[in-house]
Amino acid sequence: MKVAIISDTHDKIDALKKLFEFTKKQGIEILIHCGDVCRGETLKEISKNFKKVYLCWGNGEILESFEESLENVEIFENVGSLEIEGLKICFSHFPNIAKKEFEKGIFDFVFFGHTHFPSLKEENGKYLANPGSLSFFNPTFAILDTKEKKLELKFLKEINNSP
């Protein structure tokens, strides 16, 4: 199974639409968002494009705009954790929280955002990663292949949305 990991989308609908096209063609139905969606309307648009969305609040959320709960969206306050196909995954918006979770050594993958720059650290078969930002500089996101236990960084400008 493949899972998309994004962060810091900051209501950039055009970038999200390109991501949606890519993930649909790849058959990706699960999204982990490491925070800074910003507005509830953007989260609603995201939820229409995935079977399941996991979101951790960032520092840019305009909380009063999240008026309705969405059936396929699970929201975590500071840190989220889940298991997908035997992989233990943790995510937060904030690097300091993610680093503490990574240091516990219980998660296979720990994701974070906030810095807007992609990064990857591997230690003893465990990974600490930032998918970068989908809205700033050279927009990036990540794809996790749970079967292969492999993480791949994608540059939005380089993805080919043709069949």
C-alpha atoms as a PDB file:
ATOM      1  CA  MET A   1       0.000   0.000   0.000  1.00  0.00           C
ATOM      2  CA  LYS A   2       1.128   3.532  -0.682  1.00  0.00           C
ATOM      3  CA  VAL A   3       0.412   6.479   1.614  1.00  0.00           C
ATOM      4  CA  ALA A   4       0.858  10.171   0.760  1.00  0.00           C
ATOM      5  CA  ILE A   5       2.471  12.402   3.391  1.00  0.00           C
ATOM      6  CA  ILE A   6       2.164  16.170   3.117  1.00  0.00           C
ATOM      7  CA  SER A   7       2.572  19.236   5.280  1.00  0.00           C
ATOM      8  CA  ASP A   8       2.197  22.994   5.204  1.00  0.00           C
ATOM      9  CA  THR A   9      -0.341  23.226   2.387  1.00  0.00           C
ATOM     10  CA  HIS A  10      -1.488  26.680   3.560  1.00  0.00           C
ATOM     11  CA  ASP A  11      -4.692  26.640   1.479  1.00  0.00           C
ATOM     12  CA  LYS A  12      -2.794  26.284  -1.830  1.00  0.00           C
ATOM     13  CA  ILE A  13      -5.614  24.618  -3.772  1.00  0.00           C
ATOM     14  CA  ASP A  14      -3.757  24.565  -7.130  1.00  0.00           C
ATOM     15  CA  ALA A  15      -0.908  22.549  -5.627  1.00  0.00           C
ATOM     16  CA  LEU A  16      -3.370  20.256  -3.882  1.00  0.00           C
ATOM     17  CA  LYS A  17      -5.251  19.619  -7.133  1.00  0.00           C
ATOM     18  CA  LYS A  18      -2.021  18.496  -8.789  1.00  0.00           C
ATOM     19  CA  LEU A  19      -1.355  16.200  -5.828  1.00  0.00           C
ATOM     20  CA  PHE A  20      -4.915  14.807  -6.073  1.00  0.00           C
ATOM     21  CA  GLU A  21      -4.431  13.950  -9.759  1.00  0.00           C
ATOM     22  CA  PHE A  22      -1.173  12.174  -8.980  1.00  0.00           C
ATOM     23  CA  THR A  23      -2.500  10.187  -6.018  1.00  0.00           C
ATOM     24  CA  LYS A  24      -5.620   9.107  -7.904  1.00  0.00           C
ATOM     25  CA  LYS A  25      -3.533   7.749 -10.768  1.00  0.00           C
ATOM     26  CA  GLN A  26      -1.273   5.967  -8.276  1.00  0.00           C
ATOM     27  CA  GLY A  27      -4.222   4.470  -6.375  1.00  0.00           C
ATOM     28  CA  ILE A  28      -3.228   6.221  -3.141  1.00  0.00           C
ATOM     29  CA  GLU A  29      -6.216   6.426  -0.805  1.00  0.00           C
ATOM     30  CA  ILE A  30      -4.621   7.369   2.530  1.00  0.00           C
ATOM     31  CA  LEU A  31      -3.141  10.756   3.395  1.00  0.00           C
ATOM     32  CA  ILE A  32      -1.156  11.864   6.436  1.00  0.00           C
ATOM     33  CA  HIS A  33      -1.084  15.649   6.799  1.00  0.00           C
ATOM     34  CA  CYS A  34       1.468  17.086   9.236  1.00  0.00           C
ATOM     35  CA  GLY A  35      -0.386  20.341   9.810  1.00  0.00           C
ATOM     36  CA  ASP A  36      -0.959  23.844   8.500  1.00  0.00           C
ATOM     37  CA  VAL A  37      -3.919  23.069   6.269  1.00  0.00           C
ATOM     38  CA  CYS A  38      -5.138  26.474   7.510  1.00  0.00           C
ATOM     39  CA  ARG A  39      -8.884  26.608   6.645  1.00  0.00           C
ATOM     40  CA  GLY A  40     -11.675  24.121   7.075  1.00  0.00           C
ATOM     41  CA  GLU A  41     -12.705  24.555   3.436  1.00  0.00           C
ATOM     42  CA  THR A  42      -9.310  23.265   2.353  1.00  0.00           C
ATOM     43  CA  LEU A  43      -9.601  20.224   4.613  1.00  0.00           C
ATOM     44  CA  LYS A  44     -13.033  19.525   3.149  1.00  0.00           C
ATOM     45  CA  GLU A  45     -11.503  19.552  -0.354  1.00  0.00           C
ATOM     46  CA  ILE A  46      -8.712  17.236   0.802  1.00  0.00           C
ATOM     47  CA  SER A  47     -11.225  14.833   2.369  1.00  0.00           C
ATOM     48  CA  LYS A  48     -13.063  14.456  -0.951  1.00  0.00           C
ATOM     49  CA  ASN A  49      -9.928  13.004  -2.540  1.00  0.00           C
ATOM     50  CA  PHE A  50      -8.925  10.292  -0.054  1.00  0.00           C
ATOM     51  CA  LYS A  51     -10.675   7.419   1.697  1.00  0.00           C
ATOM     52  CA  LYS A  52      -8.886   8.301   4.951  1.00  0.00           C
ATOM     53  CA  VAL A  53      -7.094  11.466   6.092  1.00  0.00           C
ATOM     54  CA  TYR A  54      -5.035  11.782   9.273  1.00  0.00           C
ATOM     55  CA  LEU A  55      -4.286  15.372  10.285  1.00  0.00           C
ATOM     56  CA  CYS A  56      -2.271  16.859  13.112  1.00  0.00           C
ATOM     57  CA  TRP A  57      -2.917  20.511  13.950  1.00  0.00           C
ATOM     58  CA  GLY A  58      -0.199  22.969  13.029  1.00  0.00           C
ATOM     59  CA  ASN A  59       0.315  26.557  14.115  1.00  0.00           C
ATOM     60  CA  GLY A  60      -1.476  27.975  11.036  1.00  0.00           C
ATOM     61  CA  GLU A  61      -4.900  26.408  11.514  1.00  0.00           C
ATOM     62  CA  ILE A  62      -7.790  28.863  11.701  1.00  0.00           C
ATOM     63  CA  LEU A  63      -9.731  26.673  14.100  1.00  0.00           C
ATOM     64  CA  GLU A  64     -13.046  28.513  13.880  1.00  0.00           C
ATOM     65  CA  SER A  65     -13.165  27.651  10.151  1.00  0.00           C
ATOM     66  CA  PHE A  66     -13.328  23.912  10.978  1.00  0.00           C
ATOM     67  CA  GLU A  67     -17.065  23.948  11.631  1.00  0.00           C
ATOM     68  CA  GLU A  68     -17.995  20.424  10.640  1.00  0.00           C
ATOM     69  CA  SER A  69     -16.496  17.046  11.322  1.00  0.00           C
ATOM     70  CA  LEU A  70     -15.683  14.984   8.259  1.00  0.00           C
ATOM     71  CA  GLU A  71     -16.389  11.269   8.367  1.00  0.00           C
ATOM     72  CA  ASN A  72     -13.089  10.163   6.806  1.00  0.00           C
ATOM     73  CA  VAL A  73     -10.836  12.640   8.652  1.00  0.00           C
ATOM     74  CA  GLU A  74      -9.181  11.901  11.979  1.00  0.00           C
ATOM     75  CA  ILE A  75      -7.684  14.957  13.684  1.00  0.00           C
ATOM     76  CA  PHE A  76      -4.966  14.891  16.338  1.00  0.00           C
ATOM     77  CA  GLU A  77      -3.977  17.879  18.440  1.00  0.00           C
ATOM     78  CA  ASN A  78      -0.185  17.762  18.848  1.00  0.00           C
ATOM     79  CA  VAL A  79       0.839  14.274  17.858  1.00  0.00           C
ATOM     80  CA  GLY A  80      -0.861  11.448  16.015  1.00  0.00           C
ATOM     81  CA  SER A  81      -0.016   7.793  15.822  1.00  0.00           C
ATOM     82  CA  LEU A  82      -1.381   4.890  13.834  1.00  0.00           C
ATOM     83  CA  GLU A  83      -0.443   1.548  12.416  1.00  0.00           C
ATOM     84  CA  ILE A  84      -0.701   0.763   8.719  1.00  0.00           C
ATOM     85  CA  GLU A  85       0.118  -2.721   7.473  1.00  0.00           C
ATOM     86  CA  GLY A  86       2.290  -3.433  10.498  1.00  0.00           C
ATOM     87  CA  LEU A  87       4.220  -0.150  10.359  1.00  0.00           C
ATOM     88  CA  LYS A  88       4.034   2.073  13.419  1.00  0.00           C
ATOM     89  CA  ILE A  89       3.717   5.683  12.280  1.00  0.00           C
ATOM     90  CA  CYS A  90       3.800   8.890  14.295  1.00  0.00           C
ATOM     91  CA  PHE A  91       3.321  12.442  13.055  1.00  0.00           C
ATOM     92  CA  SER A  92       3.292  15.993  14.351  1.00  0.00           C
ATOM     93  CA  HIS A  93       3.566  19.442  12.892  1.00  0.00           C
ATOM     94  CA  PHE A  94       6.425  20.399  15.155  1.00  0.00           C
ATOM     95  CA  PRO A  95      10.020  19.138  14.767  1.00  0.00           C
ATOM     96  CA  ASN A  96      10.745  19.118  18.517  1.00  0.00           C
ATOM     97  CA  ILE A  97       7.759  16.840  19.232  1.00  0.00           C
ATOM     98  CA  ALA A  98       8.627  14.558  16.310  1.00  0.00           C
ATOM     99  CA  LYS A  99      12.254  14.291  17.437  1.00  0.00           C
ATOM    100  CA  LYS A 100      11.183  13.222  20.945  1.00  0.00           C
ATOM    101  CA  GLU A 101       8.871  10.568  19.481  1.00  0.00           C
ATOM    102  CA  PHE A 102      11.628   9.357  17.144  1.00  0.00           C
ATOM    103  CA  GLU A 103      14.072   9.045  20.044  1.00  0.00           C
ATOM    104  CA  LYS A 104      11.691   6.652  21.813  1.00  0.00           C
ATOM    105  CA  GLY A 105      12.521   4.138  19.072  1.00  0.00           C
ATOM    106  CA  ILE A 106       9.027   2.623  18.957  1.00  0.00           C
ATOM    107  CA  PHE A 107       7.898   4.037  15.591  1.00  0.00           C
ATOM    108  CA  ASP A 108       9.055   2.879  12.177  1.00  0.00           C
ATOM    109  CA  PHE A 109       8.347   6.317  10.686  1.00  0.00           C
ATOM    110  CA  VAL A 110       7.968   9.700  12.373  1.00  0.00           C
ATOM    111  CA  PHE A 111       6.843  12.612  10.193  1.00  0.00           C
ATOM    112  CA  PHE A 112       6.767  16.346  10.855  1.00  0.00           C
ATOM    113  CA  GLY A 113       6.359  19.654   9.051  1.00  0.00           C
ATOM    114  CA  HIS A 114       6.675  23.331   9.997  1.00  0.00           C
ATOM    115  CA  THR A 115      10.120  24.034   8.491  1.00  0.00           C
ATOM    116  CA  HIS A 116       8.892  23.853   4.860  1.00  0.00           C
ATOM    117  CA  PHE A 117      12.048  21.927   3.888  1.00  0.00           C
ATOM    118  CA  PRO A 118      12.211  18.181   3.267  1.00  0.00           C
ATOM    119  CA  SER A 119      14.566  16.083   5.357  1.00  0.00           C
ATOM    120  CA  LEU A 120      15.218  12.429   6.134  1.00  0.00           C
ATOM    121  CA  LYS A 121      17.140  10.779   8.946  1.00  0.00           C
ATOM    122  CA  GLU A 122      17.515   7.013   9.331  1.00  0.00           C
ATOM    123  CA  GLU A 123      18.731   5.347  12.491  1.00  0.00           C
ATOM    124  CA  ASN A 124      18.580   1.605  13.177  1.00  0.00           C
ATOM    125  CA  GLY A 125      15.908   1.077  10.528  1.00  0.00           C
ATOM    126  CA  LYS A 126      13.696   3.877  11.912  1.00  0.00           C
ATOM    127  CA  TYR A 127      12.999   7.062   9.962  1.00  0.00           C
ATOM    128  CA  LEU A 128      12.429  10.697  10.909  1.00  0.00           C
ATOM    129  CA  ALA A 129      11.183  12.647   7.900  1.00  0.00           C
ATOM    130  CA  ASN A 130       9.754  15.967   6.833  1.00  0.00           C
ATOM    131  CA  PRO A 131       7.897  15.808   3.493  1.00  0.00           C
ATOM    132  CA  GLY A 132       8.541  19.517   3.010  1.00  0.00           C
ATOM    133  CA  SER A 133       5.858  21.993   2.036  1.00  0.00           C
ATOM    134  CA  LEU A 134       3.299  21.696  -0.697  1.00  0.00           C
ATOM    135  CA  SER A 135       3.040  25.476  -0.876  1.00  0.00           C
ATOM    136  CA  PHE A 136       6.452  27.135  -0.573  1.00  0.00           C
ATOM    137  CA  PHE A 137       9.732  27.271  -2.484  1.00  0.00           C
ATOM    138  CA  ASN A 138      10.004  24.063  -4.511  1.00  0.00           C
ATOM    139  CA  PRO A 139       6.845  22.208  -3.350  1.00  0.00           C
ATOM    140  CA  THR A 140       7.423  18.640  -2.168  1.00  0.00           C
ATOM    141  CA  PHE A 141       5.579  15.713  -0.642  1.00  0.00           C
ATOM    142  CA  ALA A 142       6.416  12.119   0.220  1.00  0.00           C
ATOM    143  CA  ILE A 143       5.066   8.695  -0.662  1.00  0.00           C
ATOM    144  CA  LEU A 144       5.450   5.813   1.769  1.00  0.00           C
ATOM    145  CA  ASP A 145       5.355   2.313   0.315  1.00  0.00           C
ATOM    146  CA  THR A 146       4.331   0.220   3.327  1.00  0.00           C
ATOM    147  CA  LYS A 147       5.106  -3.099   1.645  1.00  0.00           C
ATOM    148  CA  GLU A 148       8.679  -2.095   0.774  1.00  0.00           C
ATOM    149  CA  LYS A 149       9.113   0.127   3.877  1.00  0.00           C
ATOM    150  CA  LYS A 150      10.424   2.774   1.503  1.00  0.00           C
ATOM    151  CA  LEU A 151       9.919   6.530   1.571  1.00  0.00           C
ATOM    152  CA  GLU A 152      10.199   8.583  -1.616  1.00  0.00           C
ATOM    153  CA  LEU A 153      10.337  12.380  -1.874  1.00  0.00           C
ATOM    154  CA  LYS A 154       8.443  13.891  -4.798  1.00  0.00           C
ATOM    155  CA  PHE A 155       8.793  17.347  -6.279  1.00  0.00           C
ATOM    156  CA  LEU A 156       5.414  18.692  -7.354  1.00  0.00           C
ATOM    157  CA  LYS A 157       6.835  20.307 -10.489  1.00  0.00           C
ATOM    158  CA  GLU A 158       8.336  16.982 -11.605  1.00  0.00           C
ATOM    159  CA  ILE A 159       5.331  14.697 -11.234  1.00  0.00           C
ATOM    160  CA  ASN A 160       3.809  13.633 -14.494  1.00  0.00           C
ATOM    161  CA  ASN A 161       0.029  13.628 -14.354  1.00  0.00           C
ATOM    162  CA  SER A 162      -0.391  11.949 -17.708  1.00  0.00           C
ATOM    163  CA  PRO A 163      -1.464   8.269 -17.701  1.00  0.00           C
END
